[in-house]
């Protein structure tokens, strides 16, 4: 860590309101590094568990943070709060597995759209 670098106190709130990985982080840390720490510290008793950093989205001030950016690049506010702890929200969104059975039942997308429109009208 470079001398004079800003430190940010963060905690991450998951879907059930639990806060995890409460610590102080360097402003030069990347979002992907934060996600690695979150995956490593994820509570094992939860029903939804991320398998990799790609399953997570970090949200700060209503914006989804990009993996390749640092905390400073992401414009994380520094010490604006009286307590000094910034809470980020964590969304687990596992990659959608390809359903192999779909290929056995070819469906015309246009026909599905027409059915949906008919249902909405009635």
N, C-alpha and C. Protein backbone atom coordinates (compact mmCIF):
# COMPACT_ATOMS: atom_id res chain seq x y z
N UNK A 1 0.84 -1.16 0.00
CA UNK A 1 0.00 0.00 0.00
C UNK A 1 0.89 1.23 0.00
N UNK A 2 0.59 2.19 -0.89
CA UNK A 2 1.39 3.40 -1.00
C UNK A 2 1.16 4.32 0.19
N UNK A 3 2.21 5.06 0.53
CA UNK A 3 2.11 5.98 1.66
C UNK A 3 1.12 7.09 1.31
N UNK A 4 0.24 7.43 2.24
CA UNK A 4 -0.74 8.48 2.02
C UNK A 4 -1.98 8.02 1.25
N UNK A 5 -2.03 6.75 0.94
CA UNK A 5 -3.19 6.24 0.22
C UNK A 5 -4.41 6.22 1.14
N UNK A 6 -5.55 6.57 0.57
CA UNK A 6 -6.77 6.62 1.37
C UNK A 6 -7.27 5.21 1.68
N UNK A 7 -7.76 5.06 2.89
CA UNK A 7 -8.35 3.81 3.33
C UNK A 7 -9.85 4.01 3.48
N UNK A 8 -10.62 2.98 3.16
CA UNK A 8 -12.06 3.06 3.22
C UNK A 8 -12.56 1.91 4.08
N UNK A 9 -13.41 2.22 5.05
CA UNK A 9 -14.00 1.18 5.88
C UNK A 9 -15.31 0.74 5.22
N UNK A 10 -15.37 -0.53 4.87
CA UNK A 10 -16.53 -1.08 4.16
C UNK A 10 -17.10 -2.29 4.88
N UNK A 11 -18.38 -2.48 4.69
CA UNK A 11 -19.03 -3.74 5.05
C UNK A 11 -19.98 -4.06 3.91
N UNK A 12 -20.29 -5.33 3.77
CA UNK A 12 -21.08 -5.80 2.64
C UNK A 12 -22.34 -6.48 3.16
N UNK A 13 -23.48 -6.00 2.73
CA UNK A 13 -24.76 -6.54 3.19
C UNK A 13 -25.29 -7.51 2.14
N UNK A 14 -25.57 -8.74 2.60
CA UNK A 14 -26.08 -9.76 1.69
C UNK A 14 -27.61 -9.81 1.76
N UNK A 15 -28.21 -10.68 0.98
CA UNK A 15 -29.66 -10.71 0.75
C UNK A 15 -30.52 -10.81 2.00
N UNK A 16 -30.02 -11.42 3.07
CA UNK A 16 -30.85 -11.59 4.27
C UNK A 16 -30.56 -10.53 5.34
N UNK A 17 -29.75 -9.52 4.99
CA UNK A 17 -29.45 -8.44 5.92
C UNK A 17 -28.19 -8.63 6.73
N UNK A 18 -27.53 -9.76 6.57
CA UNK A 18 -26.28 -10.04 7.28
C UNK A 18 -25.15 -9.21 6.68
N UNK A 19 -24.30 -8.65 7.52
CA UNK A 19 -23.12 -7.92 7.06
C UNK A 19 -21.90 -8.82 7.15
N UNK A 20 -21.09 -8.82 6.09
CA UNK A 20 -19.88 -9.65 6.06
C UNK A 20 -18.69 -8.81 5.62
N UNK A 21 -17.49 -9.35 5.82
CA UNK A 21 -16.22 -8.77 5.36
C UNK A 21 -16.03 -7.33 5.79
N UNK A 22 -16.46 -7.00 7.02
CA UNK A 22 -16.28 -5.65 7.55
C UNK A 22 -14.80 -5.43 7.82
N UNK A 23 -14.21 -4.48 7.09
CA UNK A 23 -12.79 -4.22 7.23
C UNK A 23 -12.44 -2.88 6.60
N UNK A 24 -11.18 -2.52 6.66
CA UNK A 24 -10.67 -1.32 6.02
C UNK A 24 -9.91 -1.74 4.77
N UNK A 25 -10.21 -1.08 3.65
CA UNK A 25 -9.63 -1.45 2.36
C UNK A 25 -8.93 -0.25 1.74
N UNK A 26 -7.88 -0.53 0.96
CA UNK A 26 -7.16 0.54 0.25
C UNK A 26 -8.00 1.00 -0.94
N UNK A 27 -7.94 2.29 -1.23
CA UNK A 27 -8.70 2.83 -2.36
C UNK A 27 -8.19 2.30 -3.70
N UNK A 28 -6.98 1.74 -3.72
CA UNK A 28 -6.42 1.17 -4.95
C UNK A 28 -6.86 -0.27 -5.20
N UNK A 29 -7.60 -0.85 -4.25
CA UNK A 29 -8.05 -2.24 -4.40
C UNK A 29 -9.12 -2.31 -5.50
N UNK A 30 -9.03 -3.36 -6.32
CA UNK A 30 -10.01 -3.52 -7.39
C UNK A 30 -11.27 -4.18 -6.86
N UNK A 31 -12.34 -3.98 -7.59
CA UNK A 31 -13.63 -4.57 -7.24
C UNK A 31 -13.53 -6.09 -7.30
N UNK A 32 -12.80 -6.63 -8.27
CA UNK A 32 -12.68 -8.10 -8.37
C UNK A 32 -11.95 -8.67 -7.14
N UNK A 33 -10.98 -7.95 -6.61
CA UNK A 33 -10.28 -8.40 -5.40
C UNK A 33 -11.24 -8.39 -4.20
N UNK A 34 -12.08 -7.36 -4.12
CA UNK A 34 -13.09 -7.32 -3.06
C UNK A 34 -14.03 -8.51 -3.17
N UNK A 35 -14.45 -8.82 -4.39
CA UNK A 35 -15.36 -9.94 -4.59
C UNK A 35 -14.72 -11.26 -4.17
N UNK A 36 -13.41 -11.41 -4.43
CA UNK A 36 -12.72 -12.62 -4.01
C UNK A 36 -12.77 -12.76 -2.49
N UNK A 37 -12.58 -11.66 -1.79
CA UNK A 37 -12.63 -11.68 -0.32
C UNK A 37 -14.04 -12.04 0.15
N UNK A 38 -15.05 -11.50 -0.51
CA UNK A 38 -16.44 -11.77 -0.13
C UNK A 38 -16.76 -13.25 -0.35
N UNK A 39 -16.37 -13.80 -1.48
CA UNK A 39 -16.61 -15.23 -1.76
C UNK A 39 -15.92 -16.08 -0.70
N UNK A 40 -14.69 -15.71 -0.32
CA UNK A 40 -13.94 -16.48 0.68
C UNK A 40 -14.59 -16.41 2.06
N UNK A 41 -15.20 -15.27 2.39
CA UNK A 41 -15.80 -15.09 3.72
C UNK A 41 -17.30 -15.35 3.75
N UNK A 42 -17.87 -15.81 2.64
CA UNK A 42 -19.32 -16.02 2.58
C UNK A 42 -19.76 -17.05 3.63
N UNK A 43 -20.79 -16.74 4.40
CA UNK A 43 -21.26 -17.69 5.42
C UNK A 43 -21.75 -18.99 4.78
N UNK A 44 -21.25 -20.11 5.26
CA UNK A 44 -21.57 -21.40 4.66
C UNK A 44 -22.99 -21.90 4.98
N UNK A 45 -23.64 -21.28 5.96
CA UNK A 45 -24.98 -21.74 6.34
C UNK A 45 -26.08 -21.09 5.50
N UNK A 46 -25.73 -20.26 4.53
CA UNK A 46 -26.73 -19.58 3.70
C UNK A 46 -27.20 -20.48 2.57
N UNK A 47 -28.46 -20.32 2.18
CA UNK A 47 -29.02 -21.15 1.11
C UNK A 47 -28.49 -20.75 -0.25
N UNK A 48 -28.20 -19.47 -0.44
CA UNK A 48 -27.65 -18.98 -1.70
C UNK A 48 -26.18 -18.68 -1.48
N UNK A 49 -25.32 -19.34 -2.26
CA UNK A 49 -23.88 -19.18 -2.09
C UNK A 49 -23.22 -18.94 -3.45
N UNK A 50 -22.40 -17.90 -3.57
CA UNK A 50 -21.70 -17.67 -4.84
C UNK A 50 -20.57 -18.68 -5.02
N UNK A 51 -20.39 -19.14 -6.25
CA UNK A 51 -19.31 -20.08 -6.54
C UNK A 51 -18.05 -19.35 -7.00
N UNK A 52 -18.23 -18.16 -7.58
CA UNK A 52 -17.09 -17.37 -8.06
C UNK A 52 -17.44 -15.89 -8.01
N UNK A 53 -16.47 -15.05 -8.34
CA UNK A 53 -16.72 -13.61 -8.33
C UNK A 53 -17.72 -13.21 -9.41
N UNK A 54 -17.85 -14.04 -10.43
CA UNK A 54 -18.79 -13.73 -11.51
C UNK A 54 -20.24 -13.87 -11.07
N UNK A 55 -20.47 -14.55 -9.96
CA UNK A 55 -21.82 -14.71 -9.42
C UNK A 55 -22.25 -13.51 -8.57
N UNK A 56 -21.33 -12.56 -8.32
CA UNK A 56 -21.62 -11.44 -7.44
C UNK A 56 -21.71 -10.12 -8.18
N UNK A 57 -22.58 -9.26 -7.68
CA UNK A 57 -22.64 -7.87 -8.11
C UNK A 57 -22.55 -7.02 -6.84
N UNK A 58 -21.66 -6.04 -6.85
CA UNK A 58 -21.54 -5.10 -5.74
C UNK A 58 -22.23 -3.81 -6.14
N UNK A 59 -23.08 -3.31 -5.25
CA UNK A 59 -23.84 -2.10 -5.54
C UNK A 59 -23.50 -1.03 -4.51
N UNK A 60 -23.14 0.14 -5.02
CA UNK A 60 -22.86 1.30 -4.16
C UNK A 60 -23.55 2.51 -4.77
N UNK A 61 -24.34 3.19 -3.96
CA UNK A 61 -25.05 4.40 -4.39
C UNK A 61 -25.88 4.13 -5.65
N UNK A 62 -26.49 2.94 -5.72
CA UNK A 62 -27.36 2.60 -6.83
C UNK A 62 -26.66 2.18 -8.10
N UNK A 63 -25.34 2.03 -8.06
CA UNK A 63 -24.59 1.65 -9.26
C UNK A 63 -23.88 0.32 -9.04
N UNK A 64 -23.91 -0.52 -10.07
CA UNK A 64 -23.19 -1.80 -10.04
C UNK A 64 -21.73 -1.50 -10.36
N UNK A 65 -20.83 -1.95 -9.49
CA UNK A 65 -19.40 -1.68 -9.67
C UNK A 65 -18.78 -2.66 -10.66
N UNK A 66 -17.86 -2.16 -11.47
CA UNK A 66 -17.19 -2.96 -12.49
C UNK A 66 -15.95 -3.64 -11.90
N UNK A 67 -15.73 -4.90 -12.28
CA UNK A 67 -14.63 -5.69 -11.73
C UNK A 67 -13.26 -5.07 -11.93
N UNK A 68 -13.02 -4.46 -13.08
CA UNK A 68 -11.67 -3.99 -13.41
C UNK A 68 -11.35 -2.62 -12.82
N UNK A 69 -12.29 -1.98 -12.15
CA UNK A 69 -12.05 -0.66 -11.58
C UNK A 69 -11.65 -0.76 -10.11
N UNK A 70 -10.90 0.24 -9.66
CA UNK A 70 -10.53 0.31 -8.25
C UNK A 70 -11.65 1.02 -7.48
N UNK A 71 -11.53 1.00 -6.17
CA UNK A 71 -12.51 1.73 -5.35
C UNK A 71 -12.46 3.22 -5.66
N UNK A 72 -11.27 3.75 -5.87
CA UNK A 72 -11.12 5.17 -6.20
C UNK A 72 -11.77 5.47 -7.56
N UNK A 73 -11.55 4.59 -8.55
CA UNK A 73 -12.16 4.77 -9.88
C UNK A 73 -13.68 4.73 -9.79
N UNK A 74 -14.18 3.92 -8.87
CA UNK A 74 -15.62 3.75 -8.71
C UNK A 74 -16.25 4.89 -7.92
N UNK A 75 -15.42 5.85 -7.52
CA UNK A 75 -15.89 7.03 -6.79
C UNK A 75 -16.63 6.69 -5.50
N UNK A 76 -16.02 5.77 -4.74
CA UNK A 76 -16.57 5.42 -3.44
C UNK A 76 -16.34 6.62 -2.53
N UNK A 77 -17.37 7.06 -1.87
CA UNK A 77 -17.26 8.24 -1.01
C UNK A 77 -16.33 7.97 0.16
N UNK A 78 -15.53 8.96 0.51
CA UNK A 78 -14.56 8.82 1.57
C UNK A 78 -15.01 9.62 2.79
N UNK A 79 -15.38 8.92 3.86
CA UNK A 79 -15.63 9.57 5.13
C UNK A 79 -16.75 10.60 5.16
N UNK A 80 -17.73 10.53 4.28
CA UNK A 80 -18.83 11.48 4.29
C UNK A 80 -19.81 11.17 5.41
N UNK A 81 -19.79 9.95 5.89
CA UNK A 81 -20.72 9.55 6.93
C UNK A 81 -20.10 9.75 8.30
N UNK A 82 -20.92 10.13 9.30
CA UNK A 82 -20.35 10.35 10.63
C UNK A 82 -19.70 9.11 11.22
N UNK A 83 -20.26 7.94 10.95
CA UNK A 83 -19.71 6.70 11.49
C UNK A 83 -18.46 6.29 10.71
N UNK A 84 -18.42 6.60 9.42
CA UNK A 84 -17.27 6.29 8.60
C UNK A 84 -17.30 4.93 7.93
N UNK A 85 -18.36 4.15 8.14
CA UNK A 85 -18.47 2.84 7.51
C UNK A 85 -19.42 2.94 6.32
N UNK A 86 -18.97 2.46 5.19
CA UNK A 86 -19.80 2.46 3.99
C UNK A 86 -20.35 1.06 3.78
N UNK A 87 -21.65 0.97 3.61
CA UNK A 87 -22.29 -0.33 3.36
C UNK A 87 -22.55 -0.49 1.87
N UNK A 88 -22.04 -1.59 1.31
CA UNK A 88 -22.34 -1.94 -0.08
C UNK A 88 -23.27 -3.15 -0.06
N UNK A 89 -24.12 -3.21 -1.04
CA UNK A 89 -25.03 -4.34 -1.13
C UNK A 89 -24.47 -5.36 -2.10
N UNK A 90 -24.65 -6.62 -1.75
CA UNK A 90 -24.14 -7.72 -2.56
C UNK A 90 -25.33 -8.52 -3.10
N UNK A 91 -25.35 -8.68 -4.42
CA UNK A 91 -26.39 -9.48 -5.06
C UNK A 91 -25.73 -10.72 -5.63
N UNK A 92 -26.30 -11.88 -5.31
CA UNK A 92 -25.80 -13.13 -5.87
C UNK A 92 -26.66 -13.46 -7.08
N UNK A 93 -26.00 -13.58 -8.22
CA UNK A 93 -26.69 -13.87 -9.46
C UNK A 93 -25.90 -14.95 -10.20
N UNK A 94 -26.15 -16.22 -9.83
CA UNK A 94 -25.40 -17.31 -10.46
C UNK A 94 -25.62 -17.33 -11.97
N UNK A 95 -24.59 -17.75 -12.67
CA UNK A 95 -24.70 -17.88 -14.12
C UNK A 95 -25.79 -18.89 -14.45
N UNK A 96 -26.57 -18.58 -15.46
CA UNK A 96 -27.67 -19.46 -15.84
C UNK A 96 -27.12 -20.67 -16.59
N UNK A 97 -27.43 -21.83 -16.08
CA UNK A 97 -26.98 -23.07 -16.72
C UNK A 97 -27.81 -23.31 -17.96
N UNK A 98 -27.16 -23.79 -19.00
CA UNK A 98 -27.88 -24.10 -20.23
C UNK A 98 -28.71 -25.35 -20.01
N UNK A 99 -29.97 -25.25 -20.39
CA UNK A 99 -30.88 -26.38 -20.23
C UNK A 99 -30.80 -27.23 -21.49
N UNK A 100 -30.26 -28.42 -21.37
CA UNK A 100 -30.06 -29.28 -22.54
C UNK A 100 -31.36 -29.86 -23.08
N UNK A 101 -32.40 -29.92 -22.26
CA UNK A 101 -33.66 -30.51 -22.72
C UNK A 101 -34.41 -29.58 -23.67
N UNK A 102 -34.10 -28.30 -23.67
CA UNK A 102 -34.80 -27.36 -24.54
C UNK A 102 -34.59 -27.72 -26.00
N UNK A 103 -33.41 -28.18 -26.37
CA UNK A 103 -33.14 -28.50 -27.77
C UNK A 103 -34.00 -29.65 -28.28
N UNK A 104 -34.57 -30.48 -27.40
CA UNK A 104 -35.41 -31.58 -27.82
C UNK A 104 -36.83 -31.12 -28.14
N UNK A 105 -37.19 -29.93 -27.72
CA UNK A 105 -38.53 -29.40 -27.95
C UNK A 105 -38.43 -28.05 -28.64
N UNK A 106 -38.25 -28.02 -29.96
CA UNK A 106 -38.11 -26.75 -30.65
C UNK A 106 -39.41 -25.94 -30.54
N UNK A 107 -39.27 -24.69 -30.17
CA UNK A 107 -40.42 -23.82 -30.00
C UNK A 107 -40.20 -22.55 -30.81
N UNK A 108 -41.21 -22.15 -31.51
CA UNK A 108 -41.13 -20.94 -32.30
C UNK A 108 -41.35 -19.74 -31.38
N UNK A 109 -40.41 -18.84 -31.33
CA UNK A 109 -40.49 -17.68 -30.45
C UNK A 109 -41.68 -16.80 -30.83
N UNK A 110 -41.94 -16.67 -32.10
CA UNK A 110 -43.06 -15.85 -32.55
C UNK A 110 -44.38 -16.39 -32.02
N UNK A 111 -44.54 -17.70 -32.01
CA UNK A 111 -45.78 -18.30 -31.51
C UNK A 111 -45.94 -18.03 -30.01
N UNK A 112 -44.85 -18.09 -29.27
CA UNK A 112 -44.91 -17.81 -27.84
C UNK A 112 -45.29 -16.36 -27.58
N UNK A 113 -44.74 -15.45 -28.39
CA UNK A 113 -45.05 -14.03 -28.22
C UNK A 113 -46.53 -13.77 -28.51
N UNK A 114 -47.07 -14.42 -29.53
CA UNK A 114 -48.49 -14.24 -29.87
C UNK A 114 -49.37 -14.75 -28.73
N UNK A 115 -49.02 -15.90 -28.16
CA UNK A 115 -49.79 -16.44 -27.04
C UNK A 115 -49.77 -15.49 -25.85
N UNK A 116 -48.59 -14.93 -25.59
CA UNK A 116 -48.46 -14.00 -24.46
C UNK A 116 -49.31 -12.75 -24.67
N UNK A 117 -49.35 -12.24 -25.90
CA UNK A 117 -50.17 -11.06 -26.19
C UNK A 117 -51.64 -11.37 -26.01
N UNK A 118 -52.07 -12.55 -26.45
CA UNK A 118 -53.48 -12.95 -26.31
C UNK A 118 -53.86 -13.04 -24.85
N UNK A 119 -52.97 -13.60 -24.02
CA UNK A 119 -53.25 -13.72 -22.59
C UNK A 119 -53.35 -12.36 -21.91
N UNK A 120 -52.52 -11.42 -22.35
CA UNK A 120 -52.55 -10.09 -21.76
C UNK A 120 -53.83 -9.34 -22.13
N UNK A 121 -54.37 -9.60 -23.31
CA UNK A 121 -55.59 -8.91 -23.76
C UNK A 121 -56.82 -9.42 -23.04
N UNK A 122 -56.80 -10.69 -22.66
CA UNK A 122 -58.00 -11.26 -22.03
C UNK A 122 -58.05 -11.04 -20.55
